[in-house]
Amino acid sequence: MTSETLAQLIASLPEEERIILSLHYLKGLTPGAIAEMLHVPERAVVNVIASGRRHLTSRLDL
């Protein structure tokens, strides 16, 4: 594992990923609820969650 903390990794994400991942993982919101809140298609939220998860796991060497 790198010396970066999870909080630092999340903070380093692009704004859209950071917001959506925080709402999903930290606040427990569903992709549908996030999509409604942000006025974007649910599929876009699902895609951002998947790409953000890949980004974080690759940085954490999981």
N, C-alpha and C. Protein backbone atom coordinates (compact mmCIF):
# COMPACT_ATOMS: atom_id res chain seq x y z
N MET A 1 0.85 -1.19 0.00
CA MET A 1 0.00 0.00 0.00
C MET A 1 0.89 1.24 0.00
N THR A 2 0.42 2.26 -0.65
CA THR A 2 1.18 3.51 -0.71
C THR A 2 1.05 4.26 0.59
N SER A 3 1.82 5.32 0.72
CA SER A 3 1.75 6.12 1.95
C SER A 3 0.55 7.05 1.98
N GLU A 4 -0.18 7.13 0.86
CA GLU A 4 -1.36 7.98 0.82
C GLU A 4 -2.50 7.34 1.61
N THR A 5 -3.25 8.14 2.32
CA THR A 5 -4.42 7.64 3.02
C THR A 5 -5.59 7.63 2.06
N LEU A 6 -6.62 6.90 2.43
CA LEU A 6 -7.82 6.86 1.60
C LEU A 6 -8.40 8.26 1.45
N ALA A 7 -8.39 9.04 2.51
CA ALA A 7 -8.91 10.42 2.44
C ALA A 7 -8.12 11.24 1.43
N GLN A 8 -6.80 11.08 1.42
CA GLN A 8 -5.97 11.81 0.45
C GLN A 8 -6.27 11.36 -0.97
N LEU A 9 -6.47 10.05 -1.14
CA LEU A 9 -6.79 9.54 -2.47
C LEU A 9 -8.13 10.09 -2.96
N ILE A 10 -9.12 10.07 -2.10
CA ILE A 10 -10.43 10.60 -2.49
C ILE A 10 -10.32 12.09 -2.80
N ALA A 11 -9.58 12.83 -2.00
CA ALA A 11 -9.41 14.26 -2.23
C ALA A 11 -8.70 14.55 -3.55
N SER A 12 -7.89 13.61 -4.02
CA SER A 12 -7.15 13.82 -5.26
C SER A 12 -7.96 13.49 -6.51
N LEU A 13 -9.14 12.92 -6.33
CA LEU A 13 -9.97 12.56 -7.48
C LEU A 13 -10.54 13.80 -8.14
N PRO A 14 -10.89 13.67 -9.42
CA PRO A 14 -11.60 14.78 -10.07
C PRO A 14 -12.90 15.07 -9.30
N GLU A 15 -13.34 16.30 -9.36
CA GLU A 15 -14.49 16.74 -8.56
C GLU A 15 -15.71 15.84 -8.72
N GLU A 16 -16.07 15.50 -9.95
CA GLU A 16 -17.26 14.67 -10.19
C GLU A 16 -17.14 13.32 -9.48
N GLU A 17 -16.00 12.66 -9.63
CA GLU A 17 -15.79 11.36 -8.97
C GLU A 17 -15.82 11.53 -7.45
N ARG A 18 -15.17 12.53 -6.96
CA ARG A 18 -15.10 12.76 -5.51
C ARG A 18 -16.50 12.94 -4.92
N ILE A 19 -17.31 13.75 -5.57
CA ILE A 19 -18.67 14.02 -5.07
C ILE A 19 -19.50 12.74 -5.11
N ILE A 20 -19.50 12.06 -6.24
CA ILE A 20 -20.35 10.87 -6.39
C ILE A 20 -19.89 9.74 -5.47
N LEU A 21 -18.59 9.50 -5.39
CA LEU A 21 -18.10 8.44 -4.51
C LEU A 21 -18.37 8.77 -3.03
N SER A 22 -18.24 10.02 -2.66
CA SER A 22 -18.54 10.41 -1.28
C SER A 22 -20.02 10.20 -0.96
N LEU A 23 -20.88 10.59 -1.87
CA LEU A 23 -22.31 10.40 -1.65
C LEU A 23 -22.66 8.92 -1.57
N HIS A 24 -22.03 8.12 -2.41
CA HIS A 24 -22.35 6.69 -2.46
C HIS A 24 -21.76 5.94 -1.26
N TYR A 25 -20.46 6.08 -1.04
CA TYR A 25 -19.79 5.28 -0.01
C TYR A 25 -19.86 5.88 1.39
N LEU A 26 -19.81 7.17 1.50
CA LEU A 26 -19.81 7.79 2.82
C LEU A 26 -21.22 8.10 3.33
N LYS A 27 -22.09 8.51 2.41
CA LYS A 27 -23.46 8.85 2.82
C LYS A 27 -24.44 7.69 2.59
N GLY A 28 -24.00 6.66 1.84
CA GLY A 28 -24.84 5.49 1.62
C GLY A 28 -25.97 5.68 0.62
N LEU A 29 -25.86 6.69 -0.23
CA LEU A 29 -26.92 6.93 -1.21
C LEU A 29 -26.81 5.96 -2.38
N THR A 30 -27.94 5.59 -2.93
CA THR A 30 -27.98 4.72 -4.10
C THR A 30 -27.64 5.53 -5.36
N PRO A 31 -27.21 4.85 -6.41
CA PRO A 31 -26.97 5.57 -7.67
C PRO A 31 -28.20 6.35 -8.14
N GLY A 32 -29.38 5.77 -7.96
CA GLY A 32 -30.61 6.46 -8.36
C GLY A 32 -30.82 7.76 -7.59
N ALA A 33 -30.58 7.71 -6.29
CA ALA A 33 -30.76 8.91 -5.46
C ALA A 33 -29.73 9.98 -5.82
N ILE A 34 -28.50 9.55 -6.09
CA ILE A 34 -27.45 10.50 -6.49
C ILE A 34 -27.80 11.14 -7.82
N ALA A 35 -28.26 10.32 -8.75
CA ALA A 35 -28.63 10.83 -10.08
C ALA A 35 -29.73 11.87 -9.97
N GLU A 36 -30.71 11.59 -9.15
CA GLU A 36 -31.81 12.54 -8.96
C GLU A 36 -31.30 13.84 -8.33
N MET A 37 -30.44 13.71 -7.33
CA MET A 37 -29.91 14.87 -6.63
C MET A 37 -29.08 15.76 -7.56
N LEU A 38 -28.29 15.12 -8.43
CA LEU A 38 -27.38 15.87 -9.31
C LEU A 38 -27.97 16.16 -10.69
N HIS A 39 -29.18 15.68 -10.93
CA HIS A 39 -29.87 15.89 -12.21
C HIS A 39 -29.05 15.34 -13.39
N VAL A 40 -28.59 14.10 -13.21
CA VAL A 40 -27.85 13.40 -14.27
C VAL A 40 -28.45 12.01 -14.42
N PRO A 41 -28.20 11.34 -15.56
CA PRO A 41 -28.72 9.98 -15.73
C PRO A 41 -28.11 9.01 -14.71
N GLU A 42 -28.92 8.08 -14.25
CA GLU A 42 -28.42 7.09 -13.28
C GLU A 42 -27.26 6.29 -13.84
N ARG A 43 -27.31 5.98 -15.12
CA ARG A 43 -26.23 5.21 -15.75
C ARG A 43 -24.90 5.96 -15.65
N ALA A 44 -24.94 7.29 -15.76
CA ALA A 44 -23.71 8.09 -15.63
C ALA A 44 -23.14 7.95 -14.23
N VAL A 45 -24.00 7.94 -13.22
CA VAL A 45 -23.55 7.78 -11.83
C VAL A 45 -22.93 6.40 -11.64
N VAL A 46 -23.58 5.37 -12.16
CA VAL A 46 -23.06 4.00 -12.05
C VAL A 46 -21.67 3.92 -12.70
N ASN A 47 -21.52 4.55 -13.86
CA ASN A 47 -20.22 4.53 -14.55
C ASN A 47 -19.14 5.25 -13.75
N VAL A 48 -19.49 6.38 -13.14
CA VAL A 48 -18.51 7.13 -12.34
C VAL A 48 -18.11 6.32 -11.10
N ILE A 49 -19.07 5.65 -10.48
CA ILE A 49 -18.75 4.82 -9.31
C ILE A 49 -17.80 3.71 -9.71
N ALA A 50 -18.07 3.06 -10.83
CA ALA A 50 -17.21 1.96 -11.28
C ALA A 50 -15.80 2.46 -11.62
N SER A 51 -15.71 3.56 -12.35
CA SER A 51 -14.39 4.06 -12.72
C SER A 51 -13.65 4.61 -11.50
N GLY A 52 -14.36 5.23 -10.58
CA GLY A 52 -13.73 5.73 -9.37
C GLY A 52 -13.20 4.59 -8.50
N ARG A 53 -13.97 3.51 -8.42
CA ARG A 53 -13.54 2.34 -7.65
C ARG A 53 -12.27 1.75 -8.27
N ARG A 54 -12.25 1.64 -9.60
CA ARG A 54 -11.05 1.13 -10.28
C ARG A 54 -9.86 2.04 -10.02
N HIS A 55 -10.07 3.33 -10.10
CA HIS A 55 -9.00 4.30 -9.86
C HIS A 55 -8.43 4.14 -8.45
N LEU A 56 -9.31 4.08 -7.46
CA LEU A 56 -8.86 3.97 -6.07
C LEU A 56 -8.15 2.65 -5.81
N THR A 57 -8.72 1.55 -6.29
CA THR A 57 -8.10 0.25 -6.03
C THR A 57 -6.74 0.14 -6.71
N SER A 58 -6.59 0.73 -7.88
CA SER A 58 -5.28 0.69 -8.54
C SER A 58 -4.26 1.51 -7.77
N ARG A 59 -4.68 2.61 -7.19
CA ARG A 59 -3.77 3.45 -6.41
C ARG A 59 -3.42 2.79 -5.07
N LEU A 60 -4.32 1.96 -4.55
CA LEU A 60 -4.08 1.27 -3.29
C LEU A 60 -3.40 -0.08 -3.49
N ASP A 61 -3.20 -0.45 -4.74
CA ASP A 61 -2.59 -1.74 -5.09
C ASP A 61 -3.38 -2.91 -4.51
N LEU A 62 -4.72 -2.85 -4.63
CA LEU A 62 -5.56 -3.94 -4.13
C LEU A 62 -5.83 -4.94 -5.23
